[in-house]
């Protein structure tokens, strides 16, 4: 039987926020599966990760009113490589929409710098808003709804010219809606803990702590930070038996998936 695709967050970002050519290619790859599922958790990760950084880029253009000062602001974030990398991707995607903008009204270097910033800000805003609108349209179905997560849209403040998106945590219920189901499979939790034994990156340390919390302390609260720390382990745990995990990030997904006898399909941008 042909397996379906359990689409991860990297594929969601690729399909919604990259350049037009890359978005088209990623969507085509997902559509090559008769069945494709997007878990709600991927939207949660999308909102708290890439989308947040694209919004940061938009707002920095608005705050500085300057293309050159925004580039300097990106460079100052070299200690935050994910933010810096995503902001540069936002610059690439936004510039694609910005090319051809009318700047003839700018008569000085400063005016040109400001006009470029505003045109790029508008194109980035359009990309963010269209990406959010289309988040549930790239797969045949949604999967694994999170009753504790409020899927609220970013909003544009006409007065400040900033995009606002402060509600990213799971706050609809007092407890994590996933925790009880995940605690019901302690053997799988242990298999994932064993799969990342010896891996000491900050991401894996957080993931291991979250898995231990689920397995060994069933009465302790499993909060939003713990849920976020699961990351790729969530996809290994929740991928249905009739699907493979579809991802760009095979390196991190594969050992977790294989520990649970599941498969990963690699997408190459």
Protein backbone atom coordinates (compact mmCIF):
# COMPACT_ATOMS: atom_id res chain seq x y z
CA UNK A 1 0.00 0.00 0.00
CA UNK A 2 1.29 3.43 -0.90
CA UNK A 3 2.05 5.45 2.19
CA UNK A 4 0.69 8.94 2.75
CA UNK A 5 2.68 11.96 3.95
CA UNK A 6 2.71 13.24 7.53
CA UNK A 7 3.92 16.74 6.74
CA UNK A 8 6.34 18.35 9.17
CA UNK A 9 7.00 22.01 9.96
CA UNK A 10 9.94 22.39 7.55
CA UNK A 11 7.62 21.48 4.68
CA UNK A 12 4.96 23.89 5.91
CA UNK A 13 7.48 26.73 5.97
CA UNK A 14 8.83 25.75 2.54
CA UNK A 15 5.32 25.73 1.06
CA UNK A 16 4.21 29.06 2.52
CA UNK A 17 7.11 31.46 3.13
CA UNK A 18 9.89 30.83 0.65
CA UNK A 19 10.29 32.21 -2.89
CA UNK A 20 7.52 31.50 -5.40
CA UNK A 21 9.53 28.81 -7.19
CA UNK A 22 10.34 27.01 -3.94
CA UNK A 23 6.75 27.26 -2.68
CA UNK A 24 5.46 25.78 -5.92
CA UNK A 25 7.97 22.92 -5.86
CA UNK A 26 7.21 22.02 -2.24
CA UNK A 27 3.46 22.03 -2.79
CA UNK A 28 3.89 19.81 -5.84
CA UNK A 29 5.89 17.34 -3.76
CA UNK A 30 3.13 17.18 -1.13
CA UNK A 31 0.47 16.81 -3.81
CA UNK A 32 2.31 13.80 -5.24
CA UNK A 33 0.89 11.82 -2.29
CA UNK A 34 -2.73 10.72 -2.58
CA UNK A 35 -3.06 11.31 1.17
CA UNK A 36 -1.26 14.07 3.02
CA UNK A 37 -1.80 15.08 6.63
CA UNK A 38 -0.76 18.29 8.37
CA UNK A 39 -0.80 17.94 12.16
CA UNK A 40 -1.94 20.93 14.16
CA UNK A 41 1.39 20.77 16.02
CA UNK A 42 3.16 21.85 12.80
CA UNK A 43 1.07 25.03 12.74
CA UNK A 44 2.00 25.66 16.37
CA UNK A 45 5.71 25.27 15.50
CA UNK A 46 5.26 27.40 12.35
CA UNK A 47 3.65 30.19 14.37
CA UNK A 48 6.28 30.16 17.10
CA UNK A 49 9.24 29.80 14.75
CA UNK A 50 9.52 30.90 11.14
CA UNK A 51 6.38 33.03 11.08
CA UNK A 52 7.52 34.86 14.22
CA UNK A 53 10.86 35.66 12.61
CA UNK A 54 9.26 36.88 9.37
CA UNK A 55 7.08 39.15 11.52
CA UNK A 56 10.23 40.37 13.30
CA UNK A 57 11.71 41.27 9.90
CA UNK A 58 8.53 43.10 8.83
CA UNK A 59 8.40 45.03 12.08
CA UNK A 60 12.08 45.93 11.96
CA UNK A 61 11.55 47.47 8.50
CA UNK A 62 8.68 49.48 9.95
CA UNK A 63 10.54 50.54 13.09
CA UNK A 64 13.72 51.64 11.32
CA UNK A 65 12.06 53.02 8.19
CA UNK A 66 15.34 52.09 6.52
CA UNK A 67 16.47 49.20 4.36
CA UNK A 68 20.14 49.62 5.33
CA UNK A 69 19.46 49.84 9.07
CA UNK A 70 17.29 46.72 8.88
CA UNK A 71 20.17 44.82 7.27
CA UNK A 72 22.43 45.98 10.10
CA UNK A 73 19.83 44.81 12.62
CA UNK A 74 19.85 41.35 11.02
CA UNK A 75 23.64 41.24 11.17
CA UNK A 76 23.61 42.16 14.87
CA UNK A 77 21.68 38.96 15.55
CA UNK A 78 24.58 36.70 14.60
CA UNK A 79 24.36 35.09 18.05
CA UNK A 80 20.83 33.97 17.16
CA UNK A 81 21.53 31.97 13.98
CA UNK A 82 17.94 30.75 13.47
CA UNK A 83 16.54 34.29 13.70
CA UNK A 84 19.29 35.64 11.47
CA UNK A 85 18.89 32.85 8.91
CA UNK A 86 15.11 33.13 8.78
CA UNK A 87 15.28 36.92 8.51
CA UNK A 88 17.62 36.56 5.53
CA UNK A 89 15.16 34.10 3.95
CA UNK A 90 12.37 36.65 4.55
CA UNK A 91 14.56 39.23 2.83
CA UNK A 92 15.04 36.93 -0.17
CA UNK A 93 11.34 36.07 -0.48
CA UNK A 94 10.18 39.63 0.14
CA UNK A 95 12.65 41.06 -2.36
CA UNK A 96 11.20 38.80 -5.05
CA UNK A 97 7.84 40.52 -4.61
CA UNK A 98 9.49 43.91 -4.18
CA UNK A 99 11.31 43.87 -7.54
CA UNK A 100 9.62 46.30 -9.92
CA UNK A 101 8.20 48.53 -7.18
CA UNK A 102 7.76 52.18 -8.14
CA UNK A 103 10.47 54.25 -6.44
CA UNK A 104 10.62 57.23 -8.81
CA UNK A 105 9.34 59.55 -6.07
CA UNK A 106 12.55 59.03 -4.10
CA UNK A 107 14.94 61.85 -4.97
CA UNK A 108 17.72 61.38 -2.42
CA UNK A 109 19.72 58.47 -1.02
CA UNK A 110 17.81 58.67 2.27
CA UNK A 111 14.45 58.76 0.48
CA UNK A 112 15.42 55.75 -1.63
CA UNK A 113 16.51 53.85 1.47
CA UNK A 114 13.17 54.61 3.14
CA UNK A 115 11.13 53.80 0.03
CA UNK A 116 12.91 50.46 -0.38
CA UNK A 117 12.18 49.61 3.26
CA UNK A 118 8.50 50.43 2.91
CA UNK A 119 8.05 48.51 -0.34
CA UNK A 120 9.85 45.50 1.13
CA UNK A 121 7.75 45.77 4.29
CA UNK A 122 4.53 45.68 2.27
CA UNK A 123 5.66 42.70 0.20
CA UNK A 124 6.72 40.84 3.35
CA UNK A 125 3.37 41.60 4.97
CA UNK A 126 1.57 40.15 1.93
CA UNK A 127 3.72 37.02 2.11
CA UNK A 128 3.01 36.56 5.83
CA UNK A 129 -0.73 37.12 5.45
CA UNK A 130 -1.07 34.84 2.42
CA UNK A 131 1.05 32.18 4.14
CA UNK A 132 -1.20 32.21 7.18
CA UNK A 133 -4.36 32.09 5.05
CA UNK A 134 -3.10 29.08 3.12
CA UNK A 135 -1.63 27.08 6.00
CA UNK A 136 -4.46 24.51 5.96
CA UNK A 137 -4.61 24.23 2.17
CA UNK A 138 -1.37 22.44 1.36
CA UNK A 139 -2.48 18.93 2.43
CA UNK A 140 -5.53 16.78 1.79
CA UNK A 141 -6.43 16.78 5.50
CA UNK A 142 -5.56 18.17 8.91
CA UNK A 143 -4.62 15.79 11.72
CA UNK A 144 -4.24 15.58 15.48
CA UNK A 145 -6.07 18.76 16.57
CA UNK A 146 -4.73 20.55 19.65
CA UNK A 147 -7.67 21.63 21.77
CA UNK A 148 -5.38 23.69 24.01
CA UNK A 149 -3.84 25.77 21.19
CA UNK A 150 -5.52 28.95 19.93
CA UNK A 151 -4.79 29.24 16.21
CA UNK A 152 -5.08 33.02 16.09
CA UNK A 153 -3.99 35.06 13.08
CA UNK A 154 -1.39 37.83 13.19
CA UNK A 155 -3.04 41.26 13.07
CA UNK A 156 -1.82 44.49 11.51
CA UNK A 157 -1.90 47.64 13.61
CA UNK A 158 -2.66 50.53 11.28
CA UNK A 159 -1.42 53.08 13.85
CA UNK A 160 1.99 51.53 14.57
CA UNK A 161 2.35 49.77 11.21
CA UNK A 162 3.43 46.65 13.09
CA UNK A 163 2.22 43.07 12.83
CA UNK A 164 1.12 41.78 16.23
CA UNK A 165 1.09 38.08 17.13
CA UNK A 166 1.57 37.66 20.85
CA UNK A 167 -0.59 34.58 21.38
CA UNK A 168 1.64 31.62 20.58
CA UNK A 169 1.30 29.48 23.68
CA UNK A 170 -1.25 26.77 24.41
CA UNK A 171 -3.60 28.63 26.76
CA UNK A 172 -7.10 27.34 26.01
CA UNK A 173 -6.94 24.59 28.62
CA UNK A 174 -5.12 24.26 31.97
CA UNK A 175 -3.32 21.07 30.85
CA UNK A 176 -1.60 19.87 27.68
CA UNK A 177 -4.14 18.02 25.58
CA UNK A 178 -1.45 15.63 24.28
CA UNK A 179 0.17 14.63 27.56
CA UNK A 180 -2.20 11.84 28.62
CA UNK A 181 -2.06 10.10 25.23
CA UNK A 182 1.74 10.36 25.11
CA UNK A 183 2.10 9.03 28.64
CA UNK A 184 0.07 6.01 27.60
CA UNK A 185 2.97 4.76 25.43
CA UNK A 186 5.95 4.59 27.83
CA UNK A 187 7.78 2.02 25.70
CA UNK A 188 7.76 4.41 22.77
CA UNK A 189 8.96 7.26 24.97
CA UNK A 190 11.83 5.11 26.19
CA UNK A 191 12.71 4.13 22.61
CA UNK A 192 13.02 7.81 21.69
CA UNK A 193 15.08 8.57 24.79
CA UNK A 194 17.45 5.75 23.81
CA UNK A 195 17.59 6.99 20.20
CA UNK A 196 19.05 10.35 21.25
CA UNK A 197 21.26 9.01 24.04
CA UNK A 198 24.64 10.69 23.82
CA UNK A 199 23.39 13.58 21.69
CA UNK A 200 24.10 16.70 23.72
CA UNK A 201 22.95 19.62 21.58
CA UNK A 202 20.69 22.08 23.45
CA UNK A 203 17.77 20.93 21.30
CA UNK A 204 18.31 17.27 22.16
CA UNK A 205 18.84 18.05 25.83
CA UNK A 206 15.48 19.82 25.94
CA UNK A 207 13.82 17.00 23.98
CA UNK A 208 15.26 14.33 26.29
CA UNK A 209 14.07 16.25 29.37
CA UNK A 210 10.54 16.51 27.93
CA UNK A 211 10.45 12.79 27.13
CA UNK A 212 11.70 11.92 30.63
CA UNK A 213 9.03 14.18 32.11
CA UNK A 214 6.32 12.33 30.21
CA UNK A 215 7.64 8.87 31.02
CA UNK A 216 8.86 9.18 34.60
CA UNK A 217 6.77 11.87 36.29
CA UNK A 218 3.14 11.29 35.24
CA UNK A 219 1.73 13.63 37.89
CA UNK A 220 3.82 16.63 36.95
CA UNK A 221 2.41 19.26 34.62
CA UNK A 222 3.53 19.08 31.01
CA UNK A 223 3.56 22.74 29.99
CA UNK A 224 3.85 24.68 26.75
CA UNK A 225 7.64 24.79 26.97
CA UNK A 226 7.80 21.02 27.41
CA UNK A 227 5.47 20.51 24.44
CA UNK A 228 7.63 22.80 22.31
CA UNK A 229 10.75 20.88 23.35
CA UNK A 230 9.36 17.62 21.92
CA UNK A 231 9.82 18.96 18.40
CA UNK A 232 10.71 16.15 16.00
CA UNK A 233 9.86 13.53 18.64
CA UNK A 234 6.22 14.58 18.33
CA UNK A 235 6.18 13.60 14.63
CA UNK A 236 7.74 10.20 15.37
CA UNK A 237 5.18 9.54 18.11
CA UNK A 238 2.10 10.71 16.22
CA UNK A 239 2.79 9.75 12.61
CA UNK A 240 0.05 7.26 11.59
CA UNK A 241 1.06 3.78 10.47
CA UNK A 242 -0.15 4.47 6.93
CA UNK A 243 2.07 7.55 6.51
CA UNK A 244 5.74 8.48 6.32
CA UNK A 245 7.11 11.69 7.81
CA UNK A 246 7.79 14.15 4.98
CA UNK A 247 10.57 16.58 5.90
CA UNK A 248 13.58 18.53 4.76
CA UNK A 249 15.31 17.73 8.06
CA UNK A 250 15.98 14.00 7.64
CA UNK A 251 19.09 14.08 9.85
CA UNK A 252 17.12 14.79 13.04
CA UNK A 253 13.91 12.96 12.13
CA UNK A 254 15.30 9.62 10.97
CA UNK A 255 16.78 8.22 14.23
CA UNK A 256 13.60 9.12 16.12
CA UNK A 257 11.28 7.66 13.48
CA UNK A 258 13.31 4.49 13.06
CA UNK A 259 13.27 3.93 16.82
CA UNK A 260 9.50 3.50 16.45
CA UNK A 261 9.76 1.51 13.20
CA UNK A 262 8.50 4.39 11.11
CA UNK A 263 9.90 5.87 7.91
CA UNK A 264 10.99 9.30 6.75
CA UNK A 265 10.69 10.67 3.23
CA UNK A 266 13.25 13.34 2.41
CA UNK A 267 12.33 16.45 0.42
CA UNK A 268 15.21 18.38 -1.13
CA UNK A 269 14.45 22.06 -1.90
